[in-house]
PDB file of N, CA and C in Angstrom:
ATOM      1  N   MET A   1      -5.100  22.441 -19.308  1.00  0.00           N
ATOM      2  CA  MET A   1      -4.088  23.051 -18.493  1.00  0.00           C
ATOM      3  C   MET A   1      -3.011  22.015 -18.167  1.00  0.00           C
ATOM      4  N   HIS A   2      -3.201  21.195 -17.141  1.00  0.00           N
ATOM      5  CA  HIS A   2      -2.252  20.136 -16.814  1.00  0.00           C
ATOM      6  C   HIS A   2      -2.878  18.798 -17.164  1.00  0.00           C
ATOM      7  N   SER A   3      -2.063  17.929 -17.710  1.00  0.00           N
ATOM      8  CA  SER A   3      -2.572  16.592 -18.003  1.00  0.00           C
ATOM      9  C   SER A   3      -2.114  15.632 -16.908  1.00  0.00           C
ATOM     10  N   LEU A   4      -2.894  14.604 -16.697  1.00  0.00           N
ATOM     11  CA  LEU A   4      -2.577  13.591 -15.694  1.00  0.00           C
ATOM     12  C   LEU A   4      -1.678  12.550 -16.341  1.00  0.00           C
ATOM     13  N   ASN A   5      -0.399  12.561 -15.993  1.00  0.00           N
ATOM     14  CA  ASN A   5       0.516  11.581 -16.570  1.00  0.00           C
ATOM     15  C   ASN A   5       0.781  10.475 -15.553  1.00  0.00           C
ATOM     16  N   ALA A   6       1.666   9.542 -15.910  1.00  0.00           N
ATOM     17  CA  ALA A   6       1.922   8.371 -15.070  1.00  0.00           C
ATOM     18  C   ALA A   6       2.507   8.763 -13.718  1.00  0.00           C
ATOM     19  N   GLY A   7       3.357   9.784 -13.673  1.00  0.00           N
ATOM     20  CA  GLY A   7       3.946  10.205 -12.409  1.00  0.00           C
ATOM     21  C   GLY A   7       2.914  10.738 -11.436  1.00  0.00           C
ATOM     22  N   HIS A   8       1.999  11.552 -11.932  1.00  0.00           N
ATOM     23  CA  HIS A   8       0.929  12.069 -11.081  1.00  0.00           C
ATOM     24  C   HIS A   8       0.026  10.937 -10.597  1.00  0.00           C
ATOM     25  N   LEU A   9      -0.248   9.982 -11.472  1.00  0.00           N
ATOM     26  CA  LEU A   9      -1.099   8.854 -11.104  1.00  0.00           C
ATOM     27  C   LEU A   9      -0.449   8.003 -10.023  1.00  0.00           C
ATOM     28  N   ILE A  10       0.851   7.769 -10.119  1.00  0.00           N
ATOM     29  CA  ILE A  10       1.562   6.990  -9.102  1.00  0.00           C
ATOM     30  C   ILE A  10       1.526   7.706  -7.757  1.00  0.00           C
ATOM     31  N   ILE A  11       1.743   8.999  -7.758  1.00  0.00           N
ATOM     32  CA  ILE A  11       1.704   9.768  -6.511  1.00  0.00           C
ATOM     33  C   ILE A  11       0.309   9.751  -5.915  1.00  0.00           C
ATOM     34  N   LEU A  12      -0.716   9.872  -6.740  1.00  0.00           N
ATOM     35  CA  LEU A  12      -2.095   9.847  -6.263  1.00  0.00           C
ATOM     36  C   LEU A  12      -2.442   8.496  -5.648  1.00  0.00           C
ATOM     37  N   VAL A  13      -2.093   7.416  -6.321  1.00  0.00           N
ATOM     38  CA  VAL A  13      -2.385   6.077  -5.807  1.00  0.00           C
ATOM     39  C   VAL A  13      -1.612   5.820  -4.522  1.00  0.00           C
ATOM     40  N   THR A  14      -0.365   6.265  -4.464  1.00  0.00           N
ATOM     41  CA  THR A  14       0.437   6.097  -3.254  1.00  0.00           C
ATOM     42  C   THR A  14      -0.159   6.863  -2.080  1.00  0.00           C
ATOM     43  N   ALA A  15      -0.603   8.075  -2.312  1.00  0.00           N
ATOM     44  CA  ALA A  15      -1.216   8.873  -1.244  1.00  0.00           C
ATOM     45  C   ALA A  15      -2.521   8.237  -0.767  1.00  0.00           C
ATOM     46  N   LEU A  16      -3.334   7.739  -1.695  1.00  0.00           N
ATOM     47  CA  LEU A  16      -4.579   7.074  -1.303  1.00  0.00           C
ATOM     48  C   LEU A  16      -4.301   5.807  -0.505  1.00  0.00           C
ATOM     49  N   PHE A  17      -3.305   5.035  -0.922  1.00  0.00           N
ATOM     50  CA  PHE A  17      -2.939   3.829  -0.180  1.00  0.00           C
ATOM     51  C   PHE A  17      -2.441   4.188   1.218  1.00  0.00           C
ATOM     52  N   PHE A  18      -1.635   5.233   1.330  1.00  0.00           N
ATOM     53  CA  PHE A  18      -1.139   5.666   2.635  1.00  0.00           C
ATOM     54  C   PHE A  18      -2.286   6.061   3.552  1.00  0.00           C
ATOM     55  N   LEU A  19      -3.259   6.788   3.035  1.00  0.00           N
ATOM     56  CA  LEU A  19      -4.413   7.187   3.844  1.00  0.00           C
ATOM     57  C   LEU A  19      -5.242   5.984   4.274  1.00  0.00           C
ATOM     58  N   LEU A  20      -5.465   5.033   3.362  1.00  0.00           N
ATOM     59  CA  LEU A  20      -6.224   3.828   3.694  1.00  0.00           C
ATOM     60  C   LEU A  20      -5.482   2.992   4.730  1.00  0.00           C
ATOM     61  N   ALA A  21      -4.177   2.837   4.548  1.00  0.00           N
ATOM     62  CA  ALA A  21      -3.385   2.058   5.500  1.00  0.00           C
ATOM     63  C   ALA A  21      -3.340   2.735   6.862  1.00  0.00           C
ATOM     64  N   SER A  22      -3.213   4.051   6.877  1.00  0.00           N
ATOM     65  CA  SER A  22      -3.204   4.778   8.149  1.00  0.00           C
ATOM     66  C   SER A  22      -4.528   4.606   8.881  1.00  0.00           C
ATOM     67  N   TYR A  23      -5.603   4.675   8.147  1.00  0.00           N
ATOM     68  CA  TYR A  23      -6.912   4.472   8.781  1.00  0.00           C
ATOM     69  C   TYR A  23      -7.025   3.060   9.330  1.00  0.00           C
ATOM     70  N   ALA A  24      -6.643   2.071   8.527  1.00  0.00           N
ATOM     71  CA  ALA A  24      -6.831   0.681   8.929  1.00  0.00           C
ATOM     72  C   ALA A  24      -5.992   0.314  10.143  1.00  0.00           C
ATOM     73  N   VAL A  25      -4.773   0.805  10.206  1.00  0.00           N
ATOM     74  CA  VAL A  25      -3.868   0.381  11.271  1.00  0.00           C
ATOM     75  C   VAL A  25      -3.953   1.291  12.495  1.00  0.00           C
ATOM     76  N   LEU A  26      -4.043   2.583  12.299  1.00  0.00           N
ATOM     77  CA  LEU A  26      -3.947   3.512  13.429  1.00  0.00           C
ATOM     78  C   LEU A  26      -5.277   4.114  13.848  1.00  0.00           C
ATOM     79  N   ILE A  27      -5.992   4.717  12.927  1.00  0.00           N
ATOM     80  CA  ILE A  27      -7.143   5.548  13.264  1.00  0.00           C
ATOM     81  C   ILE A  27      -8.382   4.723  13.613  1.00  0.00           C
ATOM     82  N   SER A  28      -8.555   3.558  12.968  1.00  0.00           N
ATOM     83  CA  SER A  28      -9.790   2.797  13.157  1.00  0.00           C
ATOM     84  C   SER A  28      -9.978   2.316  14.583  1.00  0.00           C
ATOM     85  N   ALA A  29      -8.909   2.220  15.359  1.00  0.00           N
ATOM     86  CA  ALA A  29      -9.043   1.786  16.752  1.00  0.00           C
ATOM     87  C   ALA A  29      -9.671   2.855  17.634  1.00  0.00           C
ATOM     88  N   PHE A  30      -9.632   4.102  17.219  1.00  0.00           N
ATOM     89  CA  PHE A  30     -10.084   5.203  18.065  1.00  0.00           C
ATOM     90  C   PHE A  30     -11.384   5.857  17.623  1.00  0.00           C
ATOM     91  N   VAL A  31     -11.901   5.480  16.465  1.00  0.00           N
ATOM     92  CA  VAL A  31     -13.131   6.087  15.963  1.00  0.00           C
ATOM     93  C   VAL A  31     -14.197   5.008  15.773  1.00  0.00           C
ATOM     94  N   PRO A  32     -15.473   5.369  15.828  1.00  0.00           N
ATOM     95  CA  PRO A  32     -16.524   4.365  15.589  1.00  0.00           C
ATOM     96  C   PRO A  32     -16.544   3.945  14.121  1.00  0.00           C
ATOM     97  N   LEU A  33     -17.272   2.880  13.834  1.00  0.00           N
ATOM     98  CA  LEU A  33     -17.375   2.377  12.465  1.00  0.00           C
ATOM     99  C   LEU A  33     -17.930   3.461  11.549  1.00  0.00           C
ATOM    100  N   SER A  34     -17.447   3.481  10.315  1.00  0.00           N
ATOM    101  CA  SER A  34     -17.773   4.584   9.410  1.00  0.00           C
ATOM    102  C   SER A  34     -19.030   4.354   8.583  1.00  0.00           C
ATOM    103  N   GLY A  35     -19.431   3.112   8.408  1.00  0.00           N
ATOM    104  CA  GLY A  35     -20.573   2.810   7.547  1.00  0.00           C
ATOM    105  C   GLY A  35     -20.153   2.448   6.134  1.00  0.00           C
ATOM    106  N   ILE A  36     -18.887   2.654   5.799  1.00  0.00           N
ATOM    107  CA  ILE A  36     -18.346   2.236   4.503  1.00  0.00           C
ATOM    108  C   ILE A  36     -17.823   0.815   4.672  1.00  0.00           C
ATOM    109  N   GLN A  37     -18.335  -0.101   3.858  1.00  0.00           N
ATOM    110  CA  GLN A  37     -18.085  -1.520   4.079  1.00  0.00           C
ATOM    111  C   GLN A  37     -16.598  -1.872   4.077  1.00  0.00           C
ATOM    112  N   LEU A  38     -15.834  -1.367   3.126  1.00  0.00           N
ATOM    113  CA  LEU A  38     -14.409  -1.696   3.049  1.00  0.00           C
ATOM    114  C   LEU A  38     -13.668  -1.213   4.294  1.00  0.00           C
ATOM    115  N   LEU A  39     -13.943   0.007   4.728  1.00  0.00           N
ATOM    116  CA  LEU A  39     -13.269   0.541   5.908  1.00  0.00           C
ATOM    117  C   LEU A  39     -13.689  -0.183   7.183  1.00  0.00           C
ATOM    118  N   ASP A  40     -14.953  -0.578   7.267  1.00  0.00           N
ATOM    119  CA  ASP A  40     -15.422  -1.302   8.445  1.00  0.00           C
ATOM    120  C   ASP A  40     -14.817  -2.701   8.524  1.00  0.00           C
ATOM    121  N   VAL A  41     -14.672  -3.357   7.391  1.00  0.00           N
ATOM    122  CA  VAL A  41     -14.035  -4.679   7.378  1.00  0.00           C
ATOM    123  C   VAL A  41     -12.588  -4.566   7.836  1.00  0.00           C
ATOM    124  N   LEU A  42     -11.868  -3.556   7.354  1.00  0.00           N
ATOM    125  CA  LEU A  42     -10.487  -3.354   7.787  1.00  0.00           C
ATOM    126  C   LEU A  42     -10.412  -3.012   9.271  1.00  0.00           C
ATOM    127  N   ALA A  43     -11.353  -2.230   9.768  1.00  0.00           N
ATOM    128  CA  ALA A  43     -11.332  -1.821  11.169  1.00  0.00           C
ATOM    129  C   ALA A  43     -11.606  -3.002  12.107  1.00  0.00           C
ATOM    130  N   GLN A  44     -12.453  -3.926  11.711  1.00  0.00           N
ATOM    131  CA  GLN A  44     -12.822  -5.040  12.569  1.00  0.00           C
ATOM    132  C   GLN A  44     -11.843  -6.206  12.486  1.00  0.00           C
ATOM    133  N   ASP A  45     -11.057  -6.276  11.441  1.00  0.00           N
ATOM    134  CA  ASP A  45     -10.110  -7.365  11.289  1.00  0.00           C
ATOM    135  C   ASP A  45      -8.920  -7.144  12.219  1.00  0.00           C
ATOM    136  N   THR A  46      -8.404  -8.228  12.786  1.00  0.00           N
ATOM    137  CA  THR A  46      -7.280  -8.089  13.717  1.00  0.00           C
ATOM    138  C   THR A  46      -6.001  -8.729  13.206  1.00  0.00           C
ATOM    139  N   HIS A  47      -6.048  -9.407  12.087  1.00  0.00           N
ATOM    140  CA  HIS A  47      -4.860 -10.102  11.611  1.00  0.00           C
ATOM    141  C   HIS A  47      -4.523  -9.763  10.169  1.00  0.00           C
ATOM    142  N   TYR A  48      -5.456  -9.963   9.271  1.00  0.00           N
ATOM    143  CA  TYR A  48      -5.155  -9.851   7.847  1.00  0.00           C
ATOM    144  C   TYR A  48      -5.011  -8.424   7.351  1.00  0.00           C
ATOM    145  N   LYS A  49      -5.498  -7.427   8.115  1.00  0.00           N
ATOM    146  CA  LYS A  49      -5.309  -6.050   7.666  1.00  0.00           C
ATOM    147  C   LYS A  49      -3.830  -5.704   7.618  1.00  0.00           C
ATOM    148  N   TYR A  50      -3.041  -6.257   8.508  1.00  0.00           N
ATOM    149  CA  TYR A  50      -1.602  -6.025   8.476  1.00  0.00           C
ATOM    150  C   TYR A  50      -0.958  -6.767   7.311  1.00  0.00           C
ATOM    151  N   PHE A  51      -1.421  -7.980   7.046  1.00  0.00           N
ATOM    152  CA  PHE A  51      -0.887  -8.760   5.931  1.00  0.00           C
ATOM    153  C   PHE A  51      -1.135  -8.061   4.603  1.00  0.00           C
ATOM    154  N   VAL A  52      -2.349  -7.606   4.393  1.00  0.00           N
ATOM    155  CA  VAL A  52      -2.705  -6.950   3.130  1.00  0.00           C
ATOM    156  C   VAL A  52      -1.894  -5.669   2.950  1.00  0.00           C
ATOM    157  N   LEU A  53      -1.701  -4.919   4.025  1.00  0.00           N
ATOM    158  CA  LEU A  53      -0.984  -3.660   3.921  1.00  0.00           C
ATOM    159  C   LEU A  53       0.521  -3.854   3.776  1.00  0.00           C
ATOM    160  N   LEU A  54       1.072  -4.888   4.359  1.00  0.00           N
ATOM    161  CA  LEU A  54       2.520  -5.105   4.289  1.00  0.00           C
ATOM    162  C   LEU A  54       2.957  -5.915   3.071  1.00  0.00           C
ATOM    163  N   ILE A  55       2.037  -6.582   2.392  1.00  0.00           N
ATOM    164  CA  ILE A  55       2.417  -7.379   1.225  1.00  0.00           C
ATOM    165  C   ILE A  55       2.865  -6.486   0.070  1.00  0.00           C
ATOM    166  N   ILE A  56       2.355  -5.261  -0.010  1.00  0.00           N
ATOM    167  CA  ILE A  56       2.719  -4.364  -1.107  1.00  0.00           C
ATOM    168  C   ILE A  56       4.172  -3.899  -0.992  1.00  0.00           C
ATOM    169  N   PRO A  57       4.617  -3.324   0.131  1.00  0.00           N
ATOM    170  CA  PRO A  57       6.032  -2.940   0.194  1.00  0.00           C
ATOM    171  C   PRO A  57       6.976  -4.137   0.180  1.00  0.00           C
ATOM    172  N   THR A  58       6.554  -5.265   0.745  1.00  0.00           N
ATOM    173  CA  THR A  58       7.389  -6.461   0.720  1.00  0.00           C
ATOM    174  C   THR A  58       7.563  -6.955  -0.711  1.00  0.00           C
ATOM    175  N   SER A  59       6.508  -6.947  -1.484  1.00  0.00           N
ATOM    176  CA  SER A  59       6.598  -7.355  -2.885  1.00  0.00           C
ATOM    177  C   SER A  59       7.470  -6.398  -3.685  1.00  0.00           C
ATOM    178  N   ALA A  60       7.335  -5.106  -3.423  1.00  0.00           N
ATOM    179  CA  ALA A  60       8.167  -4.127  -4.123  1.00  0.00           C
ATOM    180  C   ALA A  60       9.637  -4.348  -3.800  1.00  0.00           C
ATOM    181  N   TYR A  61       9.957  -4.601  -2.538  1.00  0.00           N
ATOM    182  CA  TYR A  61      11.341  -4.878  -2.157  1.00  0.00           C
ATOM    183  C   TYR A  61      11.856  -6.127  -2.865  1.00  0.00           C
ATOM    184  N   PHE A  62      11.053  -7.178  -2.921  1.00  0.00           N
ATOM    185  CA  PHE A  62      11.460  -8.416  -3.579  1.00  0.00           C
ATOM    186  C   PHE A  62      11.737  -8.181  -5.060  1.00  0.00           C
ATOM    187  N   VAL A  63      10.888  -7.430  -5.729  1.00  0.00           N
ATOM    188  CA  VAL A  63      11.072  -7.155  -7.157  1.00  0.00           C
ATOM    189  C   VAL A  63      12.350  -6.360  -7.388  1.00  0.00           C
ATOM    190  N   ILE A  64      12.602  -5.352  -6.565  1.00  0.00           N
ATOM    191  CA  ILE A  64      13.808  -4.535  -6.734  1.00  0.00           C
ATOM    192  C   ILE A  64      15.049  -5.363  -6.449  1.00  0.00           C
ATOM    193  N   ALA A  65      15.048  -6.155  -5.366  1.00  0.00           N
ATOM    194  CA  ALA A  65      16.201  -6.988  -5.039  1.00  0.00           C
ATOM    195  C   ALA A  65      16.448  -8.032  -6.127  1.00  0.00           C
ATOM    196  N   ASN A  66      15.391  -8.577  -6.679  1.00  0.00           N
ATOM    197  CA  ASN A  66      15.532  -9.557  -7.759  1.00  0.00           C
ATOM    198  C   ASN A  66      16.123  -8.902  -8.998  1.00  0.00           C
ATOM    199  N   TRP A  67      15.682  -7.701  -9.326  1.00  0.00           N
ATOM    200  CA  TRP A  67      16.204  -6.994 -10.491  1.00  0.00           C
ATOM    201  C   TRP A  67      17.681  -6.659 -10.311  1.00  0.00           C
ATOM    202  N   VAL A  68      18.072  -6.200  -9.111  1.00  0.00           N
ATOM    203  CA  VAL A  68      19.477  -5.882  -8.855  1.00  0.00           C
ATOM    204  C   VAL A  68      20.328  -7.141  -8.964  1.00  0.00           C
ATOM    205  N   GLY A  69      19.859  -8.238  -8.409  1.00  0.00           N
ATOM    206  CA  GLY A  69      20.588  -9.507  -8.526  1.00  0.00           C
ATOM    207  C   GLY A  69      20.737  -9.945  -9.969  1.00  0.00           C
ATOM    208  N   TRP A  70      19.698  -9.768 -10.755  1.00  0.00           N
ATOM    209  CA  TRP A  70      19.762 -10.121 -12.169  1.00  0.00           C
ATOM    210  C   TRP A  70      20.766  -9.240 -12.903  1.00  0.00           C
ATOM    211  N   GLN A  71      20.828  -7.976 -12.556  1.00  0.00           N
ATOM    212  CA  GLN A  71      21.808  -7.065 -13.180  1.00  0.00           C
ATOM    213  C   GLN A  71      23.244  -7.479 -12.831  1.00  0.00           C
ATOM    214  N   TYR A  72      23.467  -7.865 -11.594  1.00  0.00           N
ATOM    215  CA  TYR A  72      24.795  -8.364 -11.204  1.00  0.00           C
ATOM    216  C   TYR A  72      25.144  -9.625 -11.994  1.00  0.00           C
ATOM    217  N   TYR A  73      24.198 -10.510 -12.149  1.00  0.00           N
ATOM    218  CA  TYR A  73      24.429 -11.749 -12.887  1.00  0.00           C
ATOM    219  C   TYR A  73      24.750 -11.468 -14.351  1.00  0.00           C
ATOM    220  N   GLN A  74      23.995 -10.572 -14.978  1.00  0.00           N
ATOM    221  CA  GLN A  74      24.208 -10.272 -16.391  1.00  0.00           C
ATOM    222  C   GLN A  74      25.541  -9.585 -16.626  1.00  0.00           C
ATOM    223  N   ASN A  75      25.981  -8.750 -15.714  1.00  0.00           N
ATOM    224  CA  ASN A  75      27.181  -7.965 -15.921  1.00  0.00           C
ATOM    225  C   ASN A  75      28.431  -8.596 -15.324  1.00  0.00           C
ATOM    226  N   SER A  76      28.331  -9.827 -14.846  1.00  0.00           N
ATOM    227  CA  SER A  76      29.534 -10.460 -14.286  1.00  0.00           C
ATOM    228  C   SER A  76      30.264 -11.290 -15.323  1.00  0.00           C
TER     229      SER A  76
END
């Protein structure tokens, strides 16, 4: 019927990351530990959970800004 292409995969991974980040930053403070090791480690951490979650959009911004700068350099 429908095949899973790259666009669907990107949307799926983005949605899963959003759910994991939402749990780690917002929801984990209000619910007891889940018993899943990865989620419990994120819930108990007070510093690096923000670093791990923010490094992805920061890296994406850096890559895009670098590419735009390179395009300006090539076309000048």
